C-alpha atoms as a PDB file:
ATOM      1  CA  MET A   1       6.284   3.199  -2.262  1.00  0.00           C
ATOM      2  CA  GLU A   2       9.781   4.631  -1.866  1.00  0.00           C
ATOM      3  CA  ARG A   3       8.903   8.168  -2.711  1.00  0.00           C
ATOM      4  CA  ALA A   4       6.629   7.503   0.077  1.00  0.00           C
ATOM      5  CA  ARG A   5       9.425   6.639   2.181  1.00  0.00           C
ATOM      6  CA  GLU A   6      11.840   9.170   1.177  1.00  0.00           C
ATOM      7  CA  ALA A   7       9.141  12.012   2.480  1.00  0.00           C
ATOM      8  CA  ASN A   8       9.094   9.980   5.593  1.00  0.00           C
ATOM      9  CA  PRO A   9      10.705   7.188   6.746  1.00  0.00           C
ATOM     10  CA  ALA A  10       7.554   6.182   9.398  1.00  0.00           C
ATOM     11  CA  PHE A  11       5.653   5.017   6.610  1.00  0.00           C
ATOM     12  CA  VAL A  12       7.166   1.945   5.784  1.00  0.00           C
ATOM     13  CA  ASP A  13       8.685  -0.663   7.803  1.00  0.00           C
ATOM     14  CA  ILE A  14      11.315  -2.743   6.056  1.00  0.00           C
ATOM     15  CA  ASP A  15      12.329  -6.591   7.115  1.00  0.00           C
ATOM     16  CA  GLU A  16      15.715  -7.200   5.128  1.00  0.00           C
ATOM     17  CA  ALA A  17      16.287 -10.198   3.344  1.00  0.00           C
ATOM     18  CA  ARG A  18      17.688 -13.174   4.902  1.00  0.00           C
ATOM     19  CA  ARG A  19      18.324 -16.886   5.431  1.00  0.00           C
ATOM     20  CA  ALA A  20      16.539 -18.734   7.833  1.00  0.00           C
ATOM     21  CA  SER A  21      16.249 -22.514   8.477  1.00  0.00           C
ATOM     22  CA  LYS A  22      12.944 -23.777   8.400  1.00  0.00           C
ATOM     23  CA  ARG A  23      12.415 -27.229   9.000  1.00  0.00           C
ATOM     24  CA  GLY A  24      15.630 -28.271   8.600  1.00  0.00           C
ATOM     25  CA  GLN A  25      15.678 -26.463   5.193  1.00  0.00           C
ATOM     26  CA  TRP A  26      17.413 -23.572   4.343  1.00  0.00           C
ATOM     27  CA  GLU A  27      15.791 -20.926   2.658  1.00  0.00           C
ATOM     28  CA  ASP A  28      16.261 -17.240   1.538  1.00  0.00           C
ATOM     29  CA  ILE A  29      13.690 -14.802   2.452  1.00  0.00           C
ATOM     30  CA  PRO A  30      13.763 -11.649   0.219  1.00  0.00           C
ATOM     31  CA  GLU A  31      13.147  -7.958   1.572  1.00  0.00           C
ATOM     32  CA  THR A  32       9.593  -6.776   2.721  1.00  0.00           C
ATOM     33  CA  TRP A  33       7.996  -3.856   2.733  1.00  0.00           C
ATOM     34  CA  THR A  34       4.753  -2.838   4.506  1.00  0.00           C
ATOM     35  CA  VAL A  35       2.982  -0.070   5.628  1.00  0.00           C
ATOM     36  CA  ASN A  36       3.528   0.765   9.267  1.00  0.00           C
ATOM     37  CA  SER A  37      -0.278   0.534  10.359  1.00  0.00           C
ATOM     38  CA  SER A  38       0.034   3.791  12.340  1.00  0.00           C
ATOM     39  CA  GLU A  39       1.185   5.406   9.923  1.00  0.00           C
ATOM     40  CA  LYS A  40      -2.021   4.414   7.073  1.00  0.00           C
ATOM     41  CA  SER A  41      -3.534   7.637   7.390  1.00  0.00           C
ATOM     42  CA  ASN A  42      -0.900   9.587   7.478  1.00  0.00           C
ATOM     43  CA  LEU A  43       0.425   7.742   4.560  1.00  0.00           C
ATOM     44  CA  CYS A  44      -3.048   8.562   2.440  1.00  0.00           C
ATOM     45  CA  ARG A  45      -2.669  11.895   3.196  1.00  0.00           C
ATOM     46  CA  TRP A  46       0.307  12.167   1.822  1.00  0.00           C
ATOM     47  CA  LEU A  47      -0.409  10.185  -1.730  1.00  0.00           C
ATOM     48  CA  CYS A  48      -3.218  12.534  -1.563  1.00  0.00           C
ATOM     49  CA  GLU A  49      -1.541  15.647  -1.866  1.00  0.00           C
ATOM     50  CA  ASN A  50       1.688  14.008  -3.518  1.00  0.00           C
ATOM     51  CA  GLY A  51       0.507  10.867  -5.473  1.00  0.00           C
ATOM     52  CA  THR A  52       0.574  10.540  -8.740  1.00  0.00           C
ATOM     53  CA  ALA A  53      -1.771   8.554 -11.429  1.00  0.00           C
ATOM     54  CA  ALA A  54       0.950   5.606 -11.693  1.00  0.00           C
ATOM     55  CA  ASP A  55       0.484   5.347  -7.551  1.00  0.00           C
ATOM     56  CA  PHE A  56      -3.310   4.664  -7.759  1.00  0.00           C
ATOM     57  CA  GLU A  57      -2.996   2.085 -10.737  1.00  0.00           C
ATOM     58  CA  GLY A  58      -4.028  -1.047  -8.728  1.00  0.00           C
ATOM     59  CA  PHE A  59      -6.645   0.549  -7.395  1.00  0.00           C
ATOM     60  CA  HIS A  60      -8.886   0.738 -10.726  1.00  0.00           C
ATOM     61  CA  ASP A  61     -10.788  -1.984  -9.628  1.00  0.00           C
ATOM     62  CA  VAL A  62     -11.779  -0.767  -6.356  1.00  0.00           C
ATOM     63  CA  PHE A  63     -13.022   2.456  -7.762  1.00  0.00           C
ATOM     64  CA  ASP A  64     -14.823   1.264 -10.369  1.00  0.00           C
ATOM     65  CA  LEU A  65     -17.073  -0.635  -7.426  1.00  0.00           C
ATOM     66  CA  LEU A  66     -17.086   2.798  -5.840  1.00  0.00           C
ATOM     67  CA  GLU A  67     -18.412   4.439  -8.415  1.00  0.00           C
ATOM     68  CA  GLU A  68     -21.004   1.630  -9.750  1.00  0.00           C
ATOM     69  CA  ALA A  69     -22.335   1.952  -5.898  1.00  0.00           C
ATOM     70  CA  LEU A  70     -22.584   5.684  -6.048  1.00  0.00           C
ATOM     71  CA  ALA A  71     -24.688   5.796  -9.603  1.00  0.00           C
ATOM     72  CA  THR A  72     -26.807   2.967  -8.128  1.00  0.00           C
ATOM     73  CA  SER A  73     -27.237   5.514  -4.731  1.00  0.00           C
ATOM     74  CA  ALA A  74     -28.085   8.193  -7.103  1.00  0.00           C
ATOM     75  CA  ASP A  75     -30.365   6.327  -8.777  1.00  0.00           C
ATOM     76  CA  ASN A  76     -32.549   5.157  -5.548  1.00  0.00           C
ATOM     77  CA  GLU A  77     -33.150   8.926  -4.415  1.00  0.00           C
END
């Protein structure tokens, strides 16, 4: 996600780490990075053009399901 943010900072929203009191107890809240919901299509396009295999590693299960669905669909035609 760092490469995408370097390419276009609007892709990623960052909430800095902070301390917060909840019910009288202090806790450390880590920094979080999230994809800006208005930039999802643009980020997808950027990843398709500039991504590496490592950028898509977390999607193996999804790709397997899609491949299975496509094979099933082709068998039914």
